[in-house]
Amino acid sequence: MIPYRAKNPPESFPYATIGLIAINTLIYIFTSDYLLSAKEGVVQDWAISHDTFSPIRMVSSMFLHGSLLHLLGNMLFLWLFGAAVEGRLGVLKYLLVYLLCGLAGDGLHEVMVGLFHPKQFSLGASGAIMGLAGAYLYLFPFARICIFWGWNWWRYSSGLGPVSEWQAQWVILYYLGFDILEGFLTSTAGFSNGVANFAHIGGAGAGLLLVMALRARRDTEEASDAQAMRSEFGGDYRSLSLPDLEALVQREPDNMDLVTTFCQKALFGTLGGTAPLARSLFLEKADKLVQSGDADTVTKLALLLASGPGEVPTHILLRLAARQEREGDFGQADQLMRRVLSFDDRSPDTEMVWARLARLNEQSMGDKPEAIKLYTEQLLRFPNGAQSTYARTALTRLGGTPPPAGATPPPTVLTNKAAPTTPTRPTDAPVAPPNQMPTLQAPRRKPESESDAPAPSSGHANEGKSAEASGLRPMGG
């Protein structure tokens, strides 16, 4: 039975795991005779036995391997179990667990075998790697592991074929059970089978206890099933169903790609039961989404949810508008600022938004008639505001006429732009049917007008941050 694939994509790129595989491989290349077996001198100088037991040798022996098969088996298990554990723990904790498990394996092997065979050398990363398997047993017990059975006559005669899938807990317990059985049989019989079974047992036990002590998050069976499905589609979250995405969001609440995909499916899809969860999740993660989420998708979600004053904090909409402007999507930035102004909050911060929107239309979008209108409306609402001097200068430069003192602003605002590409709806309105679900990438074009802007409502107190603060400015032994 040889496990060869884990259907459990890691939460981050496994730099440390790949680094450990590279280090172990390079050390074997330079310490072996023609890649066949470890050099005798290396074993004598760096492997560990009862007679040579020391902290330095406990560490050095973890990076030595007796044969090519020994190395390949250990590296296979390191890749299978190490990548996901690294993603869950982070690099530093992962390396600490790896080292401590290796030391624990050496310690148990010394007590159970070394004392009785003082000249017998032990080497290999098996204790550390089985420690990662023990950690995996706790963290991902339901993860799917693909197994190759080789030329198993019973499976062929039963029509089962050479491969199957087991949950990780059964794979790890299978190997651990054999280690316990072989370890006690060989120690009782007084001979060695060439495998450091007690190093495996000690490492696995240490790994299990360490991740429990670290209070690391465990995966549910639903999350593991969703991960297995995701692995079949190359890691693409968009291929998953809404229930699968919901299970993974609870597993990785800080994965912004996952959060945006879940919110998009929940809010634009046909299963409205998850919409409240998606709404609260979006608002909870809004700051991170604005910073690192897909800008177009986050903008669509923000415009959908910002159907009225207070639905989405003003500073979130403005920071998102600033990001879209920096990235050159002026149409989306225009829509976001117009959505803020449609709530008609007449604070000094709102004056800054008017000024910024006017400059966006003048300088970035090249729409001078619209810029004239926006500067004029700004002056009607804030005739003596901090941005009024710049607005009058801009109107003169563009050939417009500043409004006379005491003029009254019109009752409606922003009616000459086309409606935004993302529809708005009340909180309790039915979700859009599937054929209205937007694509992930919004077209980068200049919008024409926003005819569906809500009528102004006076007296709404400004919430959130200022416009300036918002950015508008084993095997083996």
Protein backbone atom coordinates (compact mmCIF):
# COMPACT_ATOMS: atom_id res chain seq x y z
CA MET A 1 0.00 0.00 0.00
CA ILE A 2 1.62 3.24 -1.16
CA PRO A 3 -0.13 6.61 -0.68
CA TYR A 4 0.75 8.87 -3.60
CA ARG A 5 -1.56 11.88 -3.54
CA ALA A 6 -3.39 13.98 -0.94
CA LYS A 7 -6.56 15.69 -2.18
CA ASN A 8 -6.03 18.55 0.23
CA PRO A 9 -4.46 21.62 -1.40
CA PRO A 10 -2.34 23.59 1.11
CA GLU A 11 -3.50 26.99 2.27
CA SER A 12 -0.24 28.60 1.13
CA PHE A 13 2.69 27.69 -1.07
CA PRO A 14 4.78 25.06 0.81
CA TYR A 15 8.17 26.78 0.69
CA ALA A 16 9.47 25.09 3.85
CA THR A 17 8.37 21.61 2.75
CA ILE A 18 10.04 21.98 -0.62
CA GLY A 19 13.11 23.36 1.11
CA LEU A 20 13.31 20.34 3.44
CA ILE A 21 12.96 17.96 0.49
CA ALA A 22 15.75 19.79 -1.34
CA ILE A 23 18.05 19.82 1.69
CA ASN A 24 17.55 16.12 2.43
CA THR A 25 18.10 15.24 -1.22
CA LEU A 26 21.27 17.32 -1.57
CA ILE A 27 22.73 15.93 1.63
CA TYR A 28 22.08 12.40 0.41
CA ILE A 29 23.73 13.14 -2.93
CA PHE A 30 26.92 14.33 -1.21
CA THR A 31 27.00 11.68 1.53
CA SER A 32 26.25 8.55 -0.49
CA ASP A 33 28.29 6.20 -2.63
CA TYR A 34 26.96 6.60 -6.19
CA LEU A 35 23.46 7.31 -4.76
CA LEU A 36 23.19 3.70 -3.61
CA SER A 37 23.84 3.91 0.13
CA ALA A 38 25.26 6.23 2.77
CA LYS A 39 29.03 6.32 3.12
CA GLU A 40 30.32 4.36 6.09
CA GLY A 41 32.40 7.29 7.33
CA VAL A 42 29.36 9.59 7.30
CA VAL A 43 27.37 7.10 9.33
CA GLN A 44 30.16 6.76 11.89
CA ASP A 45 30.61 10.54 12.20
CA TRP A 46 27.04 11.89 12.03
CA ALA A 47 24.48 9.14 12.67
CA ILE A 48 23.32 8.41 16.21
CA SER A 49 23.68 5.43 18.52
CA HIS A 50 23.62 4.92 22.27
CA ASP A 51 27.39 5.19 22.42
CA THR A 52 27.47 8.42 20.38
CA PHE A 53 24.24 9.95 21.70
CA SER A 54 24.43 13.78 21.71
CA PRO A 55 22.21 16.76 20.79
CA ILE A 56 24.28 17.49 17.69
CA ARG A 57 23.94 13.93 16.40
CA MET A 58 20.21 13.94 17.18
CA VAL A 59 19.85 16.77 14.66
CA SER A 60 22.44 15.64 12.08
CA SER A 61 21.04 12.11 11.92
CA MET A 62 17.65 13.57 10.89
CA PHE A 63 19.14 14.67 7.56
CA LEU A 64 20.89 11.42 6.66
CA HIS A 65 19.43 8.46 4.77
CA GLY A 66 20.75 4.95 4.43
CA SER A 67 19.69 4.25 0.84
CA LEU A 68 17.97 5.76 -2.15
CA LEU A 69 14.76 3.86 -1.36
CA HIS A 70 14.90 5.17 2.21
CA LEU A 71 15.21 8.74 0.90
CA LEU A 72 12.43 8.40 -1.68
CA GLY A 73 9.99 6.91 0.81
CA ASN A 74 10.60 9.63 3.36
CA MET A 75 10.37 12.45 0.83
CA LEU A 76 7.09 11.05 -0.50
CA PHE A 77 5.58 11.12 2.97
CA LEU A 78 7.07 14.55 3.65
CA TRP A 79 5.36 15.96 0.56
CA LEU A 80 2.04 14.19 1.20
CA PHE A 81 1.64 15.33 4.79
CA GLY A 82 3.98 18.30 5.15
CA ALA A 83 2.51 20.76 2.65
CA ALA A 84 -0.95 20.98 4.23
CA VAL A 85 0.45 21.06 7.78
CA GLU A 86 2.77 23.91 6.79
CA GLY A 87 -0.16 25.82 5.28
CA ARG A 88 -2.17 25.46 8.48
CA LEU A 89 0.60 26.20 11.01
CA GLY A 90 2.76 28.69 9.12
CA VAL A 91 6.45 28.25 8.34
CA LEU A 92 7.97 28.91 11.77
CA LYS A 93 5.61 26.69 13.77
CA TYR A 94 5.84 24.03 11.09
CA LEU A 95 9.64 23.88 11.23
CA LEU A 96 9.53 23.84 15.03
CA VAL A 97 7.11 20.90 15.00
CA TYR A 98 9.29 19.10 12.45
CA LEU A 99 12.42 19.49 14.58
CA LEU A 100 10.77 18.61 17.91
CA CYS A 101 9.15 15.53 16.42
CA GLY A 102 12.51 14.35 15.10
CA LEU A 103 14.05 14.80 18.55
CA ALA A 104 11.14 13.02 20.22
CA GLY A 105 11.53 10.11 17.80
CA ASP A 106 15.25 9.86 18.57
CA GLY A 107 14.51 9.95 22.29
CA LEU A 108 11.97 7.12 22.23
CA HIS A 109 14.19 5.04 19.96
CA GLU A 110 17.09 5.48 22.41
CA VAL A 111 14.97 4.32 25.36
CA MET A 112 13.36 1.36 23.60
CA VAL A 113 16.22 0.19 21.33
CA GLY A 114 19.45 2.13 21.83
CA LEU A 115 19.96 1.07 25.44
CA PHE A 116 19.86 -2.58 24.40
CA HIS A 117 21.87 -2.17 21.18
CA PRO A 118 24.42 0.54 22.08
CA LYS A 119 26.49 0.25 18.90
CA GLN A 120 23.58 0.19 16.44
CA PHE A 121 23.34 3.42 14.44
CA SER A 122 20.07 5.13 13.58
CA LEU A 123 19.59 7.74 10.85
CA GLY A 124 16.79 9.24 8.78
CA ALA A 125 14.04 11.87 8.87
CA SER A 126 11.38 9.26 9.63
CA GLY A 127 10.70 10.46 13.17
CA ALA A 128 10.20 14.07 12.05
CA ILE A 129 8.08 13.07 9.06
CA MET A 130 5.90 10.72 11.09
CA GLY A 131 5.50 13.69 13.42
CA LEU A 132 3.99 15.60 10.52
CA ALA A 133 1.74 12.60 9.88
CA GLY A 134 0.64 12.75 13.52
CA ALA A 135 -0.11 16.46 13.12
CA TYR A 136 -2.02 15.68 9.92
CA LEU A 137 -4.04 13.06 11.79
CA TYR A 138 -5.30 15.78 14.12
CA LEU A 139 -5.67 18.63 11.60
CA PHE A 140 -7.06 16.83 8.54
CA PRO A 141 -8.47 13.46 9.65
CA PHE A 142 -11.02 13.34 6.80
CA ALA A 143 -8.74 14.47 3.95
CA ARG A 144 -8.75 12.11 0.97
CA ILE A 145 -5.55 10.17 0.27
CA CYS A 146 -5.07 8.27 -2.99
CA ILE A 147 -3.47 4.83 -2.53
CA PHE A 148 -1.73 2.52 -4.97
CA TRP A 149 -2.02 -1.12 -4.01
CA GLY A 150 0.40 -2.54 -6.54
CA TRP A 151 -0.23 -6.00 -7.90
CA ASN A 152 -2.70 -7.02 -5.22
CA TRP A 153 -4.32 -10.26 -6.34
CA TRP A 154 -7.29 -9.92 -4.02
CA ARG A 155 -8.20 -6.46 -5.30
CA TYR A 156 -7.89 -7.53 -8.93
CA SER A 157 -9.96 -10.65 -8.36
CA SER A 158 -12.62 -8.51 -6.68
CA GLY A 159 -12.64 -6.03 -9.57
CA LEU A 160 -11.49 -3.14 -7.36
CA GLY A 161 -8.42 -2.14 -9.36
CA PRO A 162 -4.98 -1.00 -8.19
CA VAL A 163 -5.96 2.39 -6.68
CA SER A 164 -8.42 3.59 -4.06
CA GLU A 165 -9.07 6.51 -1.70
CA TRP A 166 -8.94 6.43 2.08
CA GLN A 167 -9.45 9.11 4.64
CA ALA A 168 -6.13 10.32 6.02
CA GLN A 169 -6.88 9.07 9.52
CA TRP A 170 -7.05 5.45 8.31
CA VAL A 171 -3.88 5.74 6.22
CA ILE A 172 -1.87 7.18 9.11
CA LEU A 173 -3.27 4.74 11.67
CA TYR A 174 -2.50 1.87 9.28
CA TYR A 175 1.20 2.75 9.17
CA LEU A 176 1.31 3.64 12.85
CA GLY A 177 -0.31 0.32 13.74
CA PHE A 178 2.34 -1.59 11.82
CA ASP A 179 5.06 0.42 13.59
CA ILE A 180 3.62 -0.46 16.99
CA LEU A 181 3.23 -4.13 16.08
CA GLU A 182 6.69 -4.50 14.51
CA GLY A 183 8.36 -2.42 17.18
CA PHE A 184 7.17 -4.54 20.07
CA LEU A 185 7.64 -7.82 18.22
CA THR A 186 11.25 -7.06 17.30
CA SER A 187 12.12 -5.68 20.75
CA THR A 188 10.57 -8.70 22.42
CA ALA A 189 12.41 -11.08 20.10
CA GLY A 190 15.66 -9.21 20.62
CA PHE A 191 16.53 -8.52 16.97
CA SER A 192 16.36 -5.54 14.63
CA ASN A 193 14.40 -5.34 11.38
CA GLY A 194 16.35 -2.31 10.14
CA VAL A 195 13.45 0.09 10.71
CA ALA A 196 13.35 2.55 13.62
CA ASN A 197 9.74 1.80 14.50
CA PHE A 198 9.89 3.54 17.86
CA ALA A 199 11.28 6.69 16.22
CA HIS A 200 8.15 6.68 14.06
CA ILE A 201 5.90 6.17 17.09
CA GLY A 202 7.62 8.86 19.14
CA GLY A 203 7.52 11.35 16.29
CA ALA A 204 3.84 10.71 15.51
CA GLY A 205 2.83 11.07 19.14
CA ALA A 206 4.80 14.30 19.50
CA GLY A 207 3.25 15.77 16.34
CA LEU A 208 -0.26 14.97 17.54
CA LEU A 209 0.33 16.51 20.97
CA LEU A 210 2.09 19.60 19.62
CA VAL A 211 -0.71 20.68 17.27
CA MET A 212 -3.22 20.05 20.03
CA ALA A 213 -1.15 22.27 22.35
CA LEU A 214 -1.00 24.93 19.62
CA ARG A 215 -4.82 24.83 19.38
CA ALA A 216 -4.57 24.56 15.62
CA ARG A 217 -7.83 24.56 13.70
CA ARG A 218 -9.17 21.16 12.61
CA ASP A 219 -11.02 20.50 9.37
CA THR A 220 -14.54 19.12 9.39
CA GLU A 221 -15.52 16.27 7.09
CA GLU A 222 -17.52 18.73 4.97
CA ALA A 223 -14.47 20.98 4.52
CA SER A 224 -12.27 18.00 3.59
CA ASP A 225 -14.82 16.83 1.00
CA ALA A 226 -14.89 20.34 -0.47
CA GLN A 227 -11.09 20.38 -0.61
CA ALA A 228 -11.09 17.04 -2.41
CA MET A 229 -13.54 18.43 -4.98
CA ARG A 230 -11.48 21.58 -5.38
CA SER A 231 -8.31 19.57 -6.01
CA GLU A 232 -10.04 17.87 -8.92
CA PHE A 233 -10.53 21.27 -10.59
CA GLY A 234 -7.01 22.58 -10.19
CA GLY A 235 -7.72 24.51 -6.99
CA ASP A 236 -10.32 26.83 -8.58
CA TYR A 237 -12.89 27.94 -5.98
CA ARG A 238 -15.39 28.95 -8.66
CA SER A 239 -15.89 25.29 -9.54
CA LEU A 240 -17.33 24.53 -6.09
CA SER A 241 -20.95 24.55 -5.03
CA LEU A 242 -22.25 27.08 -2.53
CA PRO A 243 -22.40 24.56 0.37
CA ASP A 244 -18.79 23.55 -0.36
CA LEU A 245 -17.72 27.20 -0.38
CA GLU A 246 -19.54 27.82 2.89
CA ALA A 247 -17.68 24.90 4.50
CA LEU A 248 -14.33 26.23 3.25
CA VAL A 249 -15.05 29.80 4.37
CA GLN A 250 -15.41 28.53 7.91
CA ARG A 251 -12.08 26.72 7.42
CA GLU A 252 -10.18 29.67 5.87
CA PRO A 253 -11.94 32.90 6.87
CA ASP A 254 -8.93 35.02 5.90
CA ASN A 255 -8.60 33.67 2.35
CA MET A 256 -9.77 36.68 0.36
CA ASP A 257 -10.09 34.79 -2.94
CA LEU A 258 -12.35 32.28 -1.22
CA VAL A 259 -14.37 34.97 0.58
CA THR A 260 -15.06 36.94 -2.62
CA THR A 261 -16.05 33.80 -4.53
CA PHE A 262 -18.43 32.73 -1.75
CA CYS A 263 -19.99 36.19 -1.44
CA GLN A 264 -20.46 36.46 -5.18
CA LYS A 265 -22.17 33.10 -5.49
CA ALA A 266 -24.32 33.68 -2.41
CA LEU A 267 -25.44 37.20 -3.33
CA PHE A 268 -25.89 36.77 -7.08
CA GLY A 269 -26.93 33.12 -7.13
CA THR A 270 -30.26 31.40 -6.62
CA LEU A 271 -29.73 30.08 -3.08
CA GLY A 272 -30.69 33.10 -1.02
CA GLY A 273 -30.37 31.34 2.34
CA THR A 274 -26.66 32.12 2.53
CA ALA A 275 -27.03 35.77 1.54
CA PRO A 276 -27.13 37.07 5.16
CA LEU A 277 -23.94 35.13 5.95
CA ALA A 278 -22.28 36.50 2.81
CA ARG A 279 -23.35 40.05 3.68
CA SER A 280 -21.98 39.87 7.23
CA LEU A 281 -18.79 38.16 6.00
CA PHE A 282 -18.22 40.85 3.37
CA LEU A 283 -18.61 43.63 5.92
CA GLU A 284 -16.38 41.84 8.42
CA LYS A 285 -13.59 41.34 5.87
CA ALA A 286 -14.19 44.57 3.93
CA ASP A 287 -10.85 46.18 4.81
CA LYS A 288 -8.85 43.15 3.67
CA LEU A 289 -11.01 42.69 0.59
CA VAL A 290 -10.40 46.27 -0.50
CA GLN A 291 -6.68 45.82 -0.01
CA SER A 292 -6.08 42.39 -1.55
CA GLY A 293 -9.30 41.04 -3.09
CA ASP A 294 -10.11 41.07 -6.80
CA ALA A 295 -10.97 44.74 -7.33
CA ASP A 296 -13.73 44.21 -9.92
CA THR A 297 -15.50 41.51 -7.92
CA VAL A 298 -15.26 43.44 -4.67
CA THR A 299 -16.64 46.55 -6.42
CA LYS A 300 -19.64 44.62 -7.75
CA LEU A 301 -20.35 43.24 -4.29
CA ALA A 302 -19.95 46.65 -2.64
CA LEU A 303 -22.31 48.34 -5.11
CA LEU A 304 -24.84 45.55 -4.65
CA LEU A 305 -24.78 45.81 -0.86
CA ALA A 306 -24.62 49.63 -0.71
CA SER A 307 -28.29 50.02 -1.54
CA GLY A 308 -28.81 52.72 1.07
CA PRO A 309 -27.04 54.86 3.65
CA GLY A 310 -25.09 52.78 6.14
CA GLU A 311 -25.34 49.47 4.29
CA VAL A 312 -21.61 49.60 3.51
CA PRO A 313 -19.36 52.02 5.45
CA THR A 314 -18.55 55.10 3.42
CA HIS A 315 -14.80 54.79 3.95
CA ILE A 316 -14.88 51.29 2.39
CA LEU A 317 -16.52 52.61 -0.78
CA LEU A 318 -14.05 55.49 -0.98
CA ARG A 319 -10.98 53.32 -0.42
CA LEU A 320 -12.22 50.96 -3.10
CA ALA A 321 -12.77 53.91 -5.45
CA ALA A 322 -9.21 55.08 -4.78
CA ARG A 323 -7.86 51.61 -5.60
CA GLN A 324 -9.84 51.43 -8.85
CA GLU A 325 -8.56 54.86 -9.81
CA ARG A 326 -4.96 53.83 -9.12
CA GLU A 327 -5.43 50.69 -11.22
CA GLY A 328 -6.90 52.68 -14.12
CA ASP A 329 -10.54 51.56 -13.91
CA PHE A 330 -12.02 55.04 -13.85
CA GLY A 331 -15.54 53.87 -14.65
CA GLN A 332 -15.71 51.74 -11.50
CA ALA A 333 -14.19 54.53 -9.41
CA ASP A 334 -16.83 56.90 -10.83
CA GLN A 335 -19.65 54.53 -9.89
CA LEU A 336 -18.41 54.07 -6.34
CA MET A 337 -18.09 57.81 -5.68
CA ARG A 338 -21.51 58.46 -7.20
CA ARG A 339 -22.98 55.82 -4.92
CA VAL A 340 -21.55 57.67 -1.90
CA LEU A 341 -22.91 61.00 -3.16
CA SER A 342 -26.33 59.52 -3.87
CA PHE A 343 -26.83 59.36 -0.11
CA ASP A 344 -26.42 63.19 -0.09
CA ASP A 345 -24.38 63.51 3.06
CA ARG A 346 -23.41 67.20 3.20
CA SER A 347 -20.38 66.92 5.42
CA PRO A 348 -16.94 68.40 4.54
CA ASP A 349 -15.88 64.88 3.59
CA THR A 350 -18.64 64.75 1.01
CA GLU A 351 -17.36 67.99 -0.50
CA MET A 352 -14.03 66.25 -1.02
CA VAL A 353 -15.82 63.41 -2.83
CA TRP A 354 -17.59 65.91 -5.12
CA ALA A 355 -14.26 67.57 -5.92
CA ARG A 356 -12.53 64.26 -6.53
CA LEU A 357 -15.32 63.00 -8.79
CA ALA A 358 -15.22 66.20 -10.81
CA ARG A 359 -11.45 65.98 -11.23
CA LEU A 360 -11.76 62.32 -12.21
CA ASN A 361 -14.18 63.21 -15.01
CA GLU A 362 -12.07 66.16 -16.13
CA GLN A 363 -8.54 64.76 -15.98
CA SER A 364 -8.85 60.96 -16.23
CA MET A 365 -12.07 60.36 -18.17
CA GLY A 366 -11.86 63.42 -20.41
CA ASP A 367 -15.55 64.27 -19.95
CA LYS A 368 -15.41 68.06 -19.66
CA PRO A 369 -19.19 68.73 -19.84
CA GLU A 370 -19.75 66.28 -16.99
CA ALA A 371 -16.88 67.83 -15.04
CA ILE A 372 -18.45 71.29 -15.44
CA LYS A 373 -21.73 69.97 -14.10
CA LEU A 374 -20.05 68.27 -11.13
CA TYR A 375 -18.00 71.35 -10.20
CA THR A 376 -21.16 73.45 -10.43
CA GLU A 377 -23.16 71.09 -8.20
CA GLN A 378 -20.27 71.03 -5.72
CA LEU A 379 -20.35 74.83 -5.47
CA LEU A 380 -24.13 74.84 -5.09
CA ARG A 381 -23.83 72.57 -2.07
CA PHE A 382 -20.59 73.91 -0.61
CA PRO A 383 -20.22 77.51 -1.83
CA ASN A 384 -17.68 78.34 0.86
CA GLY A 385 -16.13 74.92 1.37
CA ALA A 386 -12.46 74.04 1.46
CA GLN A 387 -12.57 72.90 -2.17
CA SER A 388 -14.65 75.81 -3.49
CA THR A 389 -11.70 77.90 -4.72
CA TYR A 390 -10.33 75.03 -6.80
CA ALA A 391 -13.83 74.33 -8.21
CA ARG A 392 -14.30 77.95 -9.34
CA THR A 393 -10.84 77.97 -10.94
CA ALA A 394 -11.61 74.70 -12.74
CA LEU A 395 -14.96 76.00 -14.00
CA THR A 396 -13.29 79.11 -15.41
CA ARG A 397 -10.60 76.96 -17.05
CA LEU A 398 -13.22 74.66 -18.63
CA GLY A 399 -15.38 77.55 -19.88
CA GLY A 400 -18.12 77.13 -17.30
CA THR A 401 -19.77 79.75 -15.14
CA PRO A 402 -19.65 79.49 -11.33
CA PRO A 403 -23.14 79.61 -9.81
CA PRO A 404 -24.18 82.89 -8.19
CA ALA A 405 -24.04 83.22 -4.43
CA GLY A 406 -27.16 81.95 -2.70
CA ALA A 407 -28.23 79.66 -5.55
CA THR A 408 -30.19 76.59 -4.48
CA PRO A 409 -28.96 73.12 -5.50
CA PRO A 410 -31.35 71.07 -7.63
CA PRO A 411 -33.53 68.46 -5.88
CA THR A 412 -31.90 65.51 -7.66
CA VAL A 413 -28.26 64.64 -8.18
CA LEU A 414 -26.16 62.71 -10.66
CA THR A 415 -28.89 61.95 -13.19
CA ASN A 416 -26.86 62.34 -16.37
CA LYS A 417 -24.74 59.19 -16.04
CA ALA A 418 -25.85 55.76 -17.17
CA ALA A 419 -26.86 53.23 -14.56
CA PRO A 420 -23.96 51.25 -13.12
CA THR A 421 -23.33 47.80 -14.50
CA THR A 422 -23.99 46.28 -11.06
CA PRO A 423 -27.66 46.37 -9.96
CA THR A 424 -28.72 47.39 -6.50
CA ARG A 425 -31.46 45.84 -4.42
CA PRO A 426 -32.79 46.13 -0.87
CA THR A 427 -31.55 43.76 1.79
CA ASP A 428 -34.68 41.61 1.71
CA ALA A 429 -35.21 41.66 -2.06
CA PRO A 430 -35.00 38.38 -3.97
CA VAL A 431 -31.63 37.53 -5.42
CA ALA A 432 -30.96 37.73 -9.14
CA PRO A 433 -31.63 34.67 -11.29
CA PRO A 434 -28.64 32.74 -12.56
CA ASN A 435 -28.62 34.35 -15.98
CA GLN A 436 -28.02 37.73 -14.36
CA MET A 437 -24.91 36.67 -12.49
CA PRO A 438 -22.11 39.06 -13.50
CA THR A 439 -18.77 37.95 -14.79
CA LEU A 440 -15.75 38.21 -12.53
CA GLN A 441 -14.13 40.90 -14.68
CA ALA A 442 -16.06 44.13 -15.13
CA PRO A 443 -15.56 45.91 -18.47
CA ARG A 444 -13.09 48.73 -18.13
CA ARG A 445 -14.99 51.51 -19.80
CA LYS A 446 -16.17 55.00 -19.06
CA PRO A 447 -19.76 54.92 -17.71
CA GLU A 448 -22.29 57.22 -19.31
CA SER A 449 -24.70 58.13 -16.51
CA GLU A 450 -26.30 56.74 -13.37
CA SER A 451 -30.03 56.98 -13.89
CA ASP A 452 -30.94 54.77 -10.95
CA ALA A 453 -29.22 56.89 -8.32
CA PRO A 454 -31.56 57.24 -5.30
CA ALA A 455 -33.09 60.56 -4.53
CA PRO A 456 -31.18 62.53 -1.89
CA SER A 457 -32.18 62.10 1.71
CA SER A 458 -31.21 64.95 3.96
CA GLY A 459 -29.91 64.66 7.45
CA HIS A 460 -27.97 61.44 7.18
CA ALA A 461 -24.96 61.66 9.46
CA ASN A 462 -21.63 60.83 7.89
CA GLU A 463 -20.22 57.53 9.02
CA GLY A 464 -16.75 56.03 8.65
CA LYS A 465 -13.51 57.77 7.97
CA SER A 466 -12.83 60.99 6.11
CA ALA A 467 -12.36 61.03 2.36
CA GLU A 468 -8.71 61.92 2.71
CA ALA A 469 -8.12 59.08 5.18
CA SER A 470 -9.95 56.77 2.78
CA GLY A 471 -7.31 57.16 0.11
CA LEU A 472 -8.81 59.66 -2.25
CA ARG A 473 -5.95 61.67 -2.05
CA PRO A 474 7.93 7.13 6.04
CA MET A 475 8.93 5.25 5.37
CA GLY A 476 12.36 4.06 6.54
CA GLY A 477 14.15 4.05 9.81
